[in-house]
PDB file of N, CA and C in Angstrom:
ATOM      1  N   MET A   1       0.845  -1.180   0.000  1.00  0.00           N
ATOM      2  CA  MET A   1       0.000   0.000   0.000  1.00  0.00           C
ATOM      3  C   MET A   1       0.885   1.237   0.000  1.00  0.00           C
ATOM      4  N   ARG A   2       0.363   2.313  -0.520  1.00  0.00           N
ATOM      5  CA  ARG A   2       1.111   3.560  -0.573  1.00  0.00           C
ATOM      6  C   ARG A   2       0.993   4.300   0.753  1.00  0.00           C
ATOM      7  N   ILE A   3       1.840   5.300   0.935  1.00  0.00           N
ATOM      8  CA  ILE A   3       1.921   6.001   2.209  1.00  0.00           C
ATOM      9  C   ILE A   3       0.605   6.674   2.581  1.00  0.00           C
ATOM     10  N   GLY A   4      -0.094   7.221   1.606  1.00  0.00           N
ATOM     11  CA  GLY A   4      -1.381   7.854   1.889  1.00  0.00           C
ATOM     12  C   GLY A   4      -2.410   6.856   2.378  1.00  0.00           C
ATOM     13  N   ASP A   5      -2.377   5.655   1.806  1.00  0.00           N
ATOM     14  CA  ASP A   5      -3.292   4.600   2.249  1.00  0.00           C
ATOM     15  C   ASP A   5      -2.981   4.182   3.682  1.00  0.00           C
ATOM     16  N   LEU A   6      -1.690   4.039   3.985  1.00  0.00           N
ATOM     17  CA  LEU A   6      -1.293   3.673   5.352  1.00  0.00           C
ATOM     18  C   LEU A   6      -1.695   4.772   6.329  1.00  0.00           C
ATOM     19  N   ALA A   7      -1.516   6.013   5.929  1.00  0.00           N
ATOM     20  CA  ALA A   7      -1.910   7.134   6.785  1.00  0.00           C
ATOM     21  C   ALA A   7      -3.408   7.095   7.067  1.00  0.00           C
ATOM     22  N   THR A   8      -4.193   6.823   6.053  1.00  0.00           N
ATOM     23  CA  THR A   8      -5.647   6.758   6.219  1.00  0.00           C
ATOM     24  C   THR A   8      -6.042   5.591   7.117  1.00  0.00           C
ATOM     25  N   ARG A   9      -5.460   4.434   6.884  1.00  0.00           N
ATOM     26  CA  ARG A   9      -5.829   3.241   7.657  1.00  0.00           C
ATOM     27  C   ARG A   9      -5.415   3.322   9.121  1.00  0.00           C
ATOM     28  N   THR A  10      -4.388   4.103   9.411  1.00  0.00           N
ATOM     29  CA  THR A  10      -3.900   4.187  10.793  1.00  0.00           C
ATOM     30  C   THR A  10      -4.238   5.510  11.465  1.00  0.00           C
ATOM     31  N   ASP A  11      -4.808   6.443  10.710  1.00  0.00           N
ATOM     32  CA  ASP A  11      -5.120   7.774  11.224  1.00  0.00           C
ATOM     33  C   ASP A  11      -3.860   8.473  11.752  1.00  0.00           C
ATOM     34  N   VAL A  12      -2.781   8.302  11.009  1.00  0.00           N
ATOM     35  CA  VAL A  12      -1.493   8.913  11.330  1.00  0.00           C
ATOM     36  C   VAL A  12      -1.079   9.734  10.114  1.00  0.00           C
ATOM     37  N   SER A  13      -0.490  10.873  10.338  1.00  0.00           N
ATOM     38  CA  SER A  13      -0.126  11.739   9.216  1.00  0.00           C
ATOM     39  C   SER A  13       0.994  11.124   8.377  1.00  0.00           C
ATOM     40  N   VAL A  14       1.015  11.520   7.122  1.00  0.00           N
ATOM     41  CA  VAL A  14       2.087  11.092   6.218  1.00  0.00           C
ATOM     42  C   VAL A  14       3.431  11.552   6.774  1.00  0.00           C
ATOM     43  N   ARG A  15       3.462  12.742   7.303  1.00  0.00           N
ATOM     44  CA  ARG A  15       4.695  13.274   7.891  1.00  0.00           C
ATOM     45  C   ARG A  15       5.189  12.383   9.026  1.00  0.00           C
ATOM     46  N   ALA A  16       4.279  11.930   9.883  1.00  0.00           N
ATOM     47  CA  ALA A  16       4.665  11.044  10.989  1.00  0.00           C
ATOM     48  C   ALA A  16       5.203   9.717  10.448  1.00  0.00           C
ATOM     49  N   LEU A  17       4.575   9.191   9.407  1.00  0.00           N
ATOM     50  CA  LEU A  17       5.047   7.934   8.834  1.00  0.00           C
ATOM     51  C   LEU A  17       6.453   8.091   8.266  1.00  0.00           C
ATOM     52  N   ARG A  18       6.718   9.202   7.631  1.00  0.00           N
ATOM     53  CA  ARG A  18       8.072   9.466   7.119  1.00  0.00           C
ATOM     54  C   ARG A  18       9.066   9.553   8.277  1.00  0.00           C
ATOM     55  N   TYR A  19       8.646  10.192   9.356  1.00  0.00           N
ATOM     56  CA  TYR A  19       9.504  10.294  10.546  1.00  0.00           C
ATOM     57  C   TYR A  19       9.799   8.908  11.105  1.00  0.00           C
ATOM     58  N   TYR A  20       8.779   8.070  11.202  1.00  0.00           N
ATOM     59  CA  TYR A  20       8.996   6.712  11.707  1.00  0.00           C
ATOM     60  C   TYR A  20      10.030   5.991  10.854  1.00  0.00           C
ATOM     61  N   GLU A  21       9.943   6.195   9.572  1.00  0.00           N
ATOM     62  CA  GLU A  21      10.893   5.556   8.674  1.00  0.00           C
ATOM     63  C   GLU A  21      12.306   6.112   8.893  1.00  0.00           C
ATOM     64  N   GLU A  22      12.424   7.415   9.041  1.00  0.00           N
ATOM     65  CA  GLU A  22      13.729   8.031   9.305  1.00  0.00           C
ATOM     66  C   GLU A  22      14.355   7.508  10.593  1.00  0.00           C
ATOM     67  N   GLN A  23      13.506   7.218  11.577  1.00  0.00           N
ATOM     68  CA  GLN A  23      13.980   6.737  12.872  1.00  0.00           C
ATOM     69  C   GLN A  23      14.233   5.227  12.888  1.00  0.00           C
ATOM     70  N   GLY A  24      13.946   4.561  11.790  1.00  0.00           N
ATOM     71  CA  GLY A  24      14.155   3.114  11.719  1.00  0.00           C
ATOM     72  C   GLY A  24      13.053   2.299  12.371  1.00  0.00           C
ATOM     73  N   LEU A  25      11.903   2.921  12.583  1.00  0.00           N
ATOM     74  CA  LEU A  25      10.781   2.246  13.234  1.00  0.00           C
ATOM     75  C   LEU A  25       9.877   1.538  12.229  1.00  0.00           C
ATOM     76  N   LEU A  26       9.929   1.955  10.989  1.00  0.00           N
ATOM     77  CA  LEU A  26       9.027   1.473   9.956  1.00  0.00           C
ATOM     78  C   LEU A  26       9.825   1.333   8.669  1.00  0.00           C
ATOM     79  N   ALA A  27       9.538   0.299   7.903  1.00  0.00           N
ATOM     80  CA  ALA A  27      10.271   0.064   6.654  1.00  0.00           C
ATOM     81  C   ALA A  27       9.307   0.070   5.476  1.00  0.00           C
ATOM     82  N   SER A  28       9.833   0.515   4.344  1.00  0.00           N
ATOM     83  CA  SER A  28       9.055   0.488   3.112  1.00  0.00           C
ATOM     84  C   SER A  28       9.982   0.067   1.984  1.00  0.00           C
ATOM     85  N   THR A  29       9.364  -0.272   0.884  1.00  0.00           N
ATOM     86  CA  THR A  29      10.111  -0.460  -0.358  1.00  0.00           C
ATOM     87  C   THR A  29       9.721   0.701  -1.255  1.00  0.00           C
ATOM     88  N   ARG A  30      10.325   0.779  -2.426  1.00  0.00           N
ATOM     89  CA  ARG A  30       9.998   1.849  -3.353  1.00  0.00           C
ATOM     90  C   ARG A  30       9.474   1.262  -4.658  1.00  0.00           C
ATOM     91  N   SER A  31       8.490   1.920  -5.205  1.00  0.00           N
ATOM     92  CA  SER A  31       7.973   1.538  -6.521  1.00  0.00           C
ATOM     93  C   SER A  31       8.959   2.026  -7.583  1.00  0.00           C
ATOM     94  N   ASP A  32       8.730   1.626  -8.806  1.00  0.00           N
ATOM     95  CA  ASP A  32       9.594   2.085  -9.906  1.00  0.00           C
ATOM     96  C   ASP A  32       9.596   3.607 -10.024  1.00  0.00           C
ATOM     97  N   SER A  33       8.488   4.221  -9.634  1.00  0.00           N
ATOM     98  CA  SER A  33       8.410   5.685  -9.700  1.00  0.00           C
ATOM     99  C   SER A  33       8.881   6.360  -8.408  1.00  0.00           C
ATOM    100  N   GLY A  34       9.370   5.564  -7.444  1.00  0.00           N
ATOM    101  CA  GLY A  34       9.933   6.121  -6.219  1.00  0.00           C
ATOM    102  C   GLY A  34       8.965   6.285  -5.065  1.00  0.00           C
ATOM    103  N   GLN A  35       7.733   5.860  -5.239  1.00  0.00           N
ATOM    104  CA  GLN A  35       6.765   5.984  -4.145  1.00  0.00           C
ATOM    105  C   GLN A  35       7.028   4.923  -3.083  1.00  0.00           C
ATOM    106  N   ARG A  36       6.797   5.308  -1.831  1.00  0.00           N
ATOM    107  CA  ARG A  36       6.927   4.352  -0.733  1.00  0.00           C
ATOM    108  C   ARG A  36       5.791   3.341  -0.814  1.00  0.00           C
ATOM    109  N   LEU A  37       6.143   2.075  -0.586  1.00  0.00           N
ATOM    110  CA  LEU A  37       5.150   1.001  -0.548  1.00  0.00           C
ATOM    111  C   LEU A  37       5.323   0.232   0.746  1.00  0.00           C
ATOM    112  N   TYR A  38       4.203  -0.071   1.392  1.00  0.00           N
ATOM    113  CA  TYR A  38       4.222  -0.750   2.681  1.00  0.00           C
ATOM    114  C   TYR A  38       3.445  -2.059   2.594  1.00  0.00           C
ATOM    115  N   GLU A  39       3.907  -3.038   3.353  1.00  0.00           N
ATOM    116  CA  GLU A  39       3.177  -4.295   3.491  1.00  0.00           C
ATOM    117  C   GLU A  39       1.954  -4.049   4.372  1.00  0.00           C
ATOM    118  N   ASN A  40       0.985  -4.951   4.306  1.00  0.00           N
ATOM    119  CA  ASN A  40      -0.207  -4.827   5.153  1.00  0.00           C
ATOM    120  C   ASN A  40       0.152  -4.847   6.635  1.00  0.00           C
ATOM    121  N   ALA A  41       1.227  -5.551   6.991  1.00  0.00           N
ATOM    122  CA  ALA A  41       1.654  -5.630   8.393  1.00  0.00           C
ATOM    123  C   ALA A  41       2.060  -4.260   8.941  1.00  0.00           C
ATOM    124  N   ALA A  42       2.308  -3.306   8.061  1.00  0.00           N
ATOM    125  CA  ALA A  42       2.694  -1.965   8.515  1.00  0.00           C
ATOM    126  C   ALA A  42       1.582  -1.311   9.325  1.00  0.00           C
ATOM    127  N   VAL A  43       0.343  -1.673   9.071  1.00  0.00           N
ATOM    128  CA  VAL A  43      -0.783  -1.110   9.841  1.00  0.00           C
ATOM    129  C   VAL A  43      -0.618  -1.474  11.312  1.00  0.00           C
ATOM    130  N   HIS A  44      -0.354  -2.749  11.580  1.00  0.00           N
ATOM    131  CA  HIS A  44      -0.149  -3.196  12.964  1.00  0.00           C
ATOM    132  C   HIS A  44       1.080  -2.515  13.567  1.00  0.00           C
ATOM    133  N   ARG A  45       2.140  -2.401  12.784  1.00  0.00           N
ATOM    134  CA  ARG A  45       3.381  -1.795  13.255  1.00  0.00           C
ATOM    135  C   ARG A  45       3.149  -0.338  13.649  1.00  0.00           C
ATOM    136  N   VAL A  46       2.452   0.414  12.818  1.00  0.00           N
ATOM    137  CA  VAL A  46       2.193   1.831  13.115  1.00  0.00           C
ATOM    138  C   VAL A  46       1.330   1.952  14.369  1.00  0.00           C
ATOM    139  N   ARG A  47       0.359   1.099  14.518  1.00  0.00           N
ATOM    140  CA  ARG A  47      -0.481   1.141  15.725  1.00  0.00           C
ATOM    141  C   ARG A  47       0.335   0.841  16.971  1.00  0.00           C
ATOM    142  N   LEU A  48       1.265  -0.120  16.868  1.00  0.00           N
ATOM    143  CA  LEU A  48       2.148  -0.419  17.996  1.00  0.00           C
ATOM    144  C   LEU A  48       3.022   0.786  18.319  1.00  0.00           C
ATOM    145  N   ILE A  49       3.603   1.397  17.314  1.00  0.00           N
ATOM    146  CA  ILE A  49       4.439   2.584  17.518  1.00  0.00           C
ATOM    147  C   ILE A  49       3.626   3.683  18.185  1.00  0.00           C
ATOM    148  N   GLN A  50       2.409   3.895  17.732  1.00  0.00           N
ATOM    149  CA  GLN A  50       1.547   4.917  18.327  1.00  0.00           C
ATOM    150  C   GLN A  50       1.251   4.614  19.789  1.00  0.00           C
ATOM    151  N   GLN A  51       0.994   3.354  20.104  1.00  0.00           N
ATOM    152  CA  GLN A  51       0.740   2.982  21.498  1.00  0.00           C
ATOM    153  C   GLN A  51       1.967   3.251  22.359  1.00  0.00           C
ATOM    154  N   LEU A  52       3.142   2.899  21.848  1.00  0.00           N
ATOM    155  CA  LEU A  52       4.360   3.106  22.623  1.00  0.00           C
ATOM    156  C   LEU A  52       4.660   4.587  22.798  1.00  0.00           C
ATOM    157  N   TYR A  53       4.455   5.379  21.741  1.00  0.00           N
ATOM    158  CA  TYR A  53       4.590   6.831  21.888  1.00  0.00           C
ATOM    159  C   TYR A  53       3.574   7.357  22.901  1.00  0.00           C
ATOM    160  N   GLY A  54       2.366   6.877  22.812  1.00  0.00           N
ATOM    161  CA  GLY A  54       1.322   7.300  23.738  1.00  0.00           C
ATOM    162  C   GLY A  54       1.647   6.976  25.185  1.00  0.00           C
ATOM    163  N   ALA A  55       2.417   5.915  25.375  1.00  0.00           N
ATOM    164  CA  ALA A  55       2.825   5.531  26.727  1.00  0.00           C
ATOM    165  C   ALA A  55       4.035   6.327  27.196  1.00  0.00           C
ATOM    166  N   GLY A  56       4.551   7.197  26.312  1.00  0.00           N
ATOM    167  CA  GLY A  56       5.648   8.064  26.713  1.00  0.00           C
ATOM    168  C   GLY A  56       7.035   7.579  26.333  1.00  0.00           C
ATOM    169  N   LEU A  57       7.141   6.503  25.562  1.00  0.00           N
ATOM    170  CA  LEU A  57       8.451   6.030  25.146  1.00  0.00           C
ATOM    171  C   LEU A  57       9.007   6.934  24.054  1.00  0.00           C
ATOM    172  N   SER A  58      10.307   7.130  24.063  1.00  0.00           N
ATOM    173  CA  SER A  58      10.962   7.940  23.031  1.00  0.00           C
ATOM    174  C   SER A  58      11.169   7.104  21.777  1.00  0.00           C
ATOM    175  N   SER A  59      11.428   7.779  20.658  1.00  0.00           N
ATOM    176  CA  SER A  59      11.668   7.044  19.416  1.00  0.00           C
ATOM    177  C   SER A  59      12.916   6.169  19.544  1.00  0.00           C
ATOM    178  N   LYS A  60      13.916   6.624  20.282  1.00  0.00           N
ATOM    179  CA  LYS A  60      15.132   5.813  20.485  1.00  0.00           C
ATOM    180  C   LYS A  60      14.803   4.551  21.272  1.00  0.00           C
ATOM    181  N   THR A  61      14.025   4.689  22.328  1.00  0.00           N
ATOM    182  CA  THR A  61      13.652   3.519  23.123  1.00  0.00           C
ATOM    183  C   THR A  61      12.846   2.550  22.277  1.00  0.00           C
ATOM    184  N   ILE A  62      11.904   3.073  21.515  1.00  0.00           N
ATOM    185  CA  ILE A  62      11.094   2.216  20.644  1.00  0.00           C
ATOM    186  C   ILE A  62      11.990   1.499  19.638  1.00  0.00           C
ATOM    187  N   ALA A  63      12.911   2.234  19.023  1.00  0.00           N
ATOM    188  CA  ALA A  63      13.814   1.628  18.039  1.00  0.00           C
ATOM    189  C   ALA A  63      14.680   0.550  18.670  1.00  0.00           C
ATOM    190  N   ASP A  64      15.096   0.766  19.905  1.00  0.00           N
ATOM    191  CA  ASP A  64      15.916  -0.234  20.600  1.00  0.00           C
ATOM    192  C   ASP A  64      15.116  -1.496  20.914  1.00  0.00           C
ATOM    193  N   LEU A  65      13.823  -1.329  21.201  1.00  0.00           N
ATOM    194  CA  LEU A  65      13.005  -2.461  21.634  1.00  0.00           C
ATOM    195  C   LEU A  65      12.349  -3.229  20.487  1.00  0.00           C
ATOM    196  N   LEU A  66      12.102  -2.571  19.364  1.00  0.00           N
ATOM    197  CA  LEU A  66      11.375  -3.227  18.274  1.00  0.00           C
ATOM    198  C   LEU A  66      12.036  -4.495  17.736  1.00  0.00           C
ATOM    199  N   PRO A  67      13.360  -4.565  17.635  1.00  0.00           N
ATOM    200  CA  PRO A  67      13.936  -5.836  17.165  1.00  0.00           C
ATOM    201  C   PRO A  67      13.574  -7.023  18.064  1.00  0.00           C
ATOM    202  N   CYS A  68      13.528  -6.797  19.359  1.00  0.00           N
ATOM    203  CA  CYS A  68      13.131  -7.871  20.286  1.00  0.00           C
ATOM    204  C   CYS A  68      11.645  -8.197  20.133  1.00  0.00           C
ATOM    205  N   VAL A  69      10.840  -7.159  19.925  1.00  0.00           N
ATOM    206  CA  VAL A  69       9.407  -7.371  19.702  1.00  0.00           C
ATOM    207  C   VAL A  69       9.207  -8.180  18.430  1.00  0.00           C
ATOM    208  N   ASP A  70       9.927  -7.802  17.379  1.00  0.00           N
ATOM    209  CA  ASP A  70       9.804  -8.503  16.099  1.00  0.00           C
ATOM    210  C   ASP A  70      10.225  -9.965  16.212  1.00  0.00           C
ATOM    211  N   ALA A  71      11.315 -10.222  16.933  1.00  0.00           N
ATOM    212  CA  ALA A  71      11.830 -11.582  17.073  1.00  0.00           C
ATOM    213  C   ALA A  71      11.087 -12.374  18.151  1.00  0.00           C
ATOM    214  N   LYS A  72      10.233 -11.681  18.910  1.00  0.00           N
ATOM    215  CA  LYS A  72       9.487 -12.297  20.015  1.00  0.00           C
ATOM    216  C   LYS A  72      10.423 -12.946  21.049  1.00  0.00           C
ATOM    217  N   VAL A  73      11.540 -12.264  21.271  1.00  0.00           N
ATOM    218  CA  VAL A  73      12.509 -12.683  22.287  1.00  0.00           C
ATOM    219  C   VAL A  73      12.959 -11.425  23.020  1.00  0.00           C
ATOM    220  N   SER A  74      13.662 -11.643  24.103  1.00  0.00           N
ATOM    221  CA  SER A  74      14.204 -10.490  24.810  1.00  0.00           C
ATOM    222  C   SER A  74      15.568 -10.845  25.374  1.00  0.00           C
ATOM    223  N   THR A  75      16.302  -9.805  25.641  1.00  0.00           N
ATOM    224  CA  THR A  75      17.568  -9.932  26.339  1.00  0.00           C
ATOM    225  C   THR A  75      17.321  -9.469  27.769  1.00  0.00           C
ATOM    226  N   PRO A  76      18.229  -9.758  28.674  1.00  0.00           N
ATOM    227  CA  PRO A  76      18.042  -9.214  30.029  1.00  0.00           C
ATOM    228  C   PRO A  76      17.920  -7.688  30.016  1.00  0.00           C
ATOM    229  N   GLU A  77      18.665  -7.040  29.127  1.00  0.00           N
ATOM    230  CA  GLU A  77      18.615  -5.577  29.053  1.00  0.00           C
ATOM    231  C   GLU A  77      17.264  -5.087  28.525  1.00  0.00           C
ATOM    232  N   SER A  78      16.777  -5.728  27.468  1.00  0.00           N
ATOM    233  CA  SER A  78      15.493  -5.286  26.915  1.00  0.00           C
ATOM    234  C   SER A  78      14.362  -5.586  27.892  1.00  0.00           C
ATOM    235  N   GLN A  79      14.443  -6.712  28.570  1.00  0.00           N
ATOM    236  CA  GLN A  79      13.423  -7.060  29.564  1.00  0.00           C
ATOM    237  C   GLN A  79      13.413  -6.029  30.694  1.00  0.00           C
ATOM    238  N   ALA A  80      14.600  -5.652  31.158  1.00  0.00           N
ATOM    239  CA  ALA A  80      14.694  -4.653  32.229  1.00  0.00           C
ATOM    240  C   ALA A  80      14.148  -3.308  31.759  1.00  0.00           C
ATOM    241  N   ARG A  81      14.422  -2.970  30.524  1.00  0.00           N
ATOM    242  CA  ARG A  81      13.923  -1.699  29.985  1.00  0.00           C
ATOM    243  C   ARG A  81      12.410  -1.714  29.880  1.00  0.00           C
ATOM    244  N   LEU A  82      11.857  -2.823  29.401  1.00  0.00           N
ATOM    245  CA  LEU A  82      10.400  -2.948  29.312  1.00  0.00           C
ATOM    246  C   LEU A  82       9.754  -2.859  30.687  1.00  0.00           C
ATOM    247  N   VAL A  83      10.338  -3.521  31.663  1.00  0.00           N
ATOM    248  CA  VAL A  83       9.803  -3.481  33.026  1.00  0.00           C
ATOM    249  C   VAL A  83       9.872  -2.056  33.574  1.00  0.00           C
ATOM    250  N   ALA A  84      10.989  -1.370  33.324  1.00  0.00           N
ATOM    251  CA  ALA A  84      11.125   0.012  33.800  1.00  0.00           C
ATOM    252  C   ALA A  84      10.081   0.919  33.153  1.00  0.00           C
ATOM    253  N   GLU A  85       9.853   0.739  31.861  1.00  0.00           N
ATOM    254  CA  GLU A  85       8.838   1.548  31.167  1.00  0.00           C
ATOM    255  C   GLU A  85       7.442   1.230  31.695  1.00  0.00           C
ATOM    256  N   ARG A  86       7.173  -0.051  31.919  1.00  0.00           N
ATOM    257  CA  ARG A  86       5.871  -0.427  32.472  1.00  0.00           C
ATOM    258  C   ARG A  86       5.675   0.189  33.850  1.00  0.00           C
ATOM    259  N   ASP A  87       6.725   0.146  34.673  1.00  0.00           N
ATOM    260  CA  ASP A  87       6.629   0.725  36.017  1.00  0.00           C
ATOM    261  C   ASP A  87       6.401   2.231  35.952  1.00  0.00           C
ATOM    262  N   ARG A  88       7.043   2.897  34.987  1.00  0.00           N
ATOM    263  CA  ARG A  88       6.838   4.329  34.812  1.00  0.00           C
ATOM    264  C   ARG A  88       5.389   4.621  34.418  1.00  0.00           C
ATOM    265  N   VAL A  89       4.840   3.813  33.521  1.00  0.00           N
ATOM    266  CA  VAL A  89       3.445   3.978  33.102  1.00  0.00           C
ATOM    267  C   VAL A  89       2.517   3.722  34.287  1.00  0.00           C
ATOM    268  N   ASP A  90       2.810   2.684  35.077  1.00  0.00           N
ATOM    269  CA  ASP A  90       2.001   2.407  36.271  1.00  0.00           C
ATOM    270  C   ASP A  90       2.001   3.602  37.221  1.00  0.00           C
ATOM    271  N   GLN A  91       3.155   4.249  37.378  1.00  0.00           N
ATOM    272  CA  GLN A  91       3.237   5.430  38.241  1.00  0.00           C
ATOM    273  C   GLN A  91       2.393   6.573  37.684  1.00  0.00           C
ATOM    274  N   GLN A  92       2.440   6.761  36.375  1.00  0.00           N
ATOM    275  CA  GLN A  92       1.615   7.805  35.757  1.00  0.00           C
ATOM    276  C   GLN A  92       0.135   7.506  35.958  1.00  0.00           C
ATOM    277  N   ILE A  93      -0.242   6.242  35.819  1.00  0.00           N
ATOM    278  CA  ILE A  93      -1.638   5.857  36.024  1.00  0.00           C
ATOM    279  C   ILE A  93      -2.056   6.166  37.452  1.00  0.00           C
ATOM    280  N   ALA A  94      -1.211   5.823  38.413  1.00  0.00           N
ATOM    281  CA  ALA A  94      -1.528   6.084  39.820  1.00  0.00           C
ATOM    282  C   ALA A  94      -1.707   7.586  40.069  1.00  0.00           C
ATOM    283  N   GLU A  95      -0.835   8.398  39.466  1.00  0.00           N
ATOM    284  CA  GLU A  95      -0.940   9.848  39.629  1.00  0.00           C
ATOM    285  C   GLU A  95      -2.211  10.387  38.970  1.00  0.00           C
ATOM    286  N   LEU A  96      -2.573   9.851  37.819  1.00  0.00           N
ATOM    287  CA  LEU A  96      -3.810  10.275  37.158  1.00  0.00           C
ATOM    288  C   LEU A  96      -5.038   9.882  37.968  1.00  0.00           C
ATOM    289  N   ILE A  97      -5.003   8.709  38.563  1.00  0.00           N
ATOM    290  CA  ILE A  97      -6.119   8.281  39.410  1.00  0.00           C
ATOM    291  C   ILE A  97      -6.258   9.219  40.605  1.00  0.00           C
ATOM    292  N   MET A  98      -5.131   9.608  41.197  1.00  0.00           N
ATOM    293  CA  MET A  98      -5.190  10.545  42.321  1.00  0.00           C
ATOM    294  C   MET A  98      -5.753  11.891  41.870  1.00  0.00           C
ATOM    295  N   ALA A  99      -5.354  12.356  40.703  1.00  0.00           N
ATOM    296  CA  ALA A  99      -5.880  13.620  40.188  1.00  0.00           C
ATOM    297  C   ALA A  99      -7.376  13.514  39.931  1.00  0.00           C
ATOM    298  N   ARG A 100      -7.812  12.382  39.351  1.00  0.00           N
ATOM    299  CA  ARG A 100      -9.241  12.186  39.113  1.00  0.00           C
ATOM    300  C   ARG A 100     -10.007  12.174  40.432  1.00  0.00           C
ATOM    301  N   ASP A 101      -9.455  11.489  41.435  1.00  0.00           N
ATOM    302  CA  ASP A 101     -10.123  11.433  42.735  1.00  0.00           C
ATOM    303  C   ASP A 101     -10.235  12.812  43.373  1.00  0.00           C
ATOM    304  N   ARG A 102      -9.206  13.626  43.219  1.00  0.00           N
ATOM    305  CA  ARG A 102      -9.267  14.989  43.759  1.00  0.00           C
ATOM    306  C   ARG A 102     -10.321  15.808  43.029  1.00  0.00           C
ATOM    307  N   LEU A 103     -10.380  15.632  41.709  1.00  0.00           N
ATOM    308  CA  LEU A 103     -11.424  16.328  40.947  1.00  0.00           C
ATOM    309  C   LEU A 103     -12.808  15.880  41.397  1.00  0.00           C
ATOM    310  N   ASN A 104     -12.991  14.605  41.626  1.00  0.00           N
ATOM    311  CA  ASN A 104     -14.280  14.110  42.124  1.00  0.00           C
ATOM    312  C   ASN A 104     -14.613  14.730  43.477  1.00  0.00           C
ATOM    313  N   ASP A 105     -13.614  14.836  44.344  1.00  0.00           N
ATOM    314  CA  ASP A 105     -13.831  15.466  45.647  1.00  0.00           C
ATOM    315  C   ASP A 105     -14.268  16.925  45.483  1.00  0.00           C
ATOM    316  N   ILE A 106     -13.615  17.627  44.569  1.00  0.00           N
ATOM    317  CA  ILE A 106     -13.966  19.033  44.326  1.00  0.00           C
ATOM    318  C   ILE A 106     -15.367  19.131  43.745  1.00  0.00           C
ATOM    319  N   ILE A 107     -15.683  18.246  42.812  1.00  0.00           N
ATOM    320  CA  ILE A 107     -17.030  18.242  42.224  1.00  0.00           C
ATOM    321  C   ILE A 107     -18.070  17.996  43.301  1.00  0.00           C
ATOM    322  N   ASP A 108     -17.820  17.018  44.161  1.00  0.00           N
ATOM    323  CA  ASP A 108     -18.763  16.714  45.241  1.00  0.00           C
ATOM    324  C   ASP A 108     -18.885  17.882  46.218  1.00  0.00           C
ATOM    325  N   ALA A 109     -17.764  18.514  46.536  1.00  0.00           N
ATOM    326  CA  ALA A 109     -17.768  19.605  47.517  1.00  0.00           C
ATOM    327  C   ALA A 109     -18.406  20.865  46.962  1.00  0.00           C
ATOM    328  N   THR A 110     -18.452  20.974  45.656  1.00  0.00           N
ATOM    329  CA  THR A 110     -18.977  22.197  45.048  1.00  0.00           C
ATOM    330  C   THR A 110     -20.238  21.922  44.239  1.00  0.00           C
ATOM    331  N   SER A 111     -20.960  20.906  44.628  1.00  0.00           N
ATOM    332  CA  SER A 111     -22.138  20.522  43.843  1.00  0.00           C
ATOM    333  C   SER A 111     -23.311  21.483  44.002  1.00  0.00           C
ATOM    334  N   GLN A 112     -23.283  22.333  45.009  1.00  0.00           N
ATOM    335  CA  GLN A 112     -24.371  23.304  45.193  1.00  0.00           C
ATOM    336  C   GLN A 112     -24.084  24.524  44.339  1.00  0.00           C
ATOM    337  N   PRO A 113     -25.077  24.992  43.578  1.00  0.00           N
ATOM    338  CA  PRO A 113     -24.872  26.167  42.719  1.00  0.00           C
ATOM    339  C   PRO A 113     -24.504  27.396  43.559  1.00  0.00           C
ATOM    340  N   ASN A 114     -23.622  28.217  43.014  1.00  0.00           N
ATOM    341  CA  ASN A 114     -23.218  29.449  43.656  1.00  0.00           C
ATOM    342  C   ASN A 114     -23.103  30.505  42.568  1.00  0.00           C
ATOM    343  N   PRO A 115     -23.918  31.547  42.610  1.00  0.00           N
ATOM    344  CA  PRO A 115     -23.889  32.565  41.561  1.00  0.00           C
ATOM    345  C   PRO A 115     -22.530  33.238  41.420  1.00  0.00           C
ATOM    346  N   GLN A 116     -21.716  33.268  42.451  1.00  0.00           N
ATOM    347  CA  GLN A 116     -20.392  33.906  42.377  1.00  0.00           C
ATOM    348  C   GLN A 116     -19.435  33.079  41.514  1.00  0.00           C
ATOM    349  N   CYS A 117     -19.731  31.816  41.278  1.00  0.00           N
ATOM    350  CA  CYS A 117     -18.848  30.929  40.510  1.00  0.00           C
ATOM    351  C   CYS A 117     -19.463  30.529  39.179  1.00  0.00           C
ATOM    352  N   ASP A 118     -20.333  31.370  38.650  1.00  0.00           N
ATOM    353  CA  ASP A 118     -20.981  31.052  37.378  1.00  0.00           C
ATOM    354  C   ASP A 118     -20.036  31.387  36.229  1.00  0.00           C
ATOM    355  N   TYR A 119     -19.651  30.349  35.467  1.00  0.00           N
ATOM    356  CA  TYR A 119     -18.689  30.527  34.371  1.00  0.00           C
ATOM    357  C   TYR A 119     -19.360  30.554  33.020  1.00  0.00           C
ATOM    358  N   THR A 120     -20.656  30.662  32.981  1.00  0.00           N
ATOM    359  CA  THR A 120     -21.345  30.657  31.671  1.00  0.00           C
ATOM    360  C   THR A 120     -21.348  32.010  31.040  1.00  0.00           C
TER     361      THR A 120
END
């Protein structure tokens, strides 16, 4: 598939796909006219990259880990890195839960209308 098709199927910009390729996260071949061509598996790959970016991993970390993901094996170093990233995400989740709970407390404490706090 061409880059525009991959962008549409993954809801990722063409620019981002080019960046992924520059970073070694995504591979393509070229058509005779020089257009990038991707295998169908690229859809899954882009979604994985997006999830890892969404979890806060850097492109370097993703690039370091993808060979192990692709081979479905790990080294002690890659395993430790994955565990560290998971623990970091768990900490972020815990902090977000605390923030949500505080917001709920504020909502509950301020549930009575007050004309002085009307933001409409």
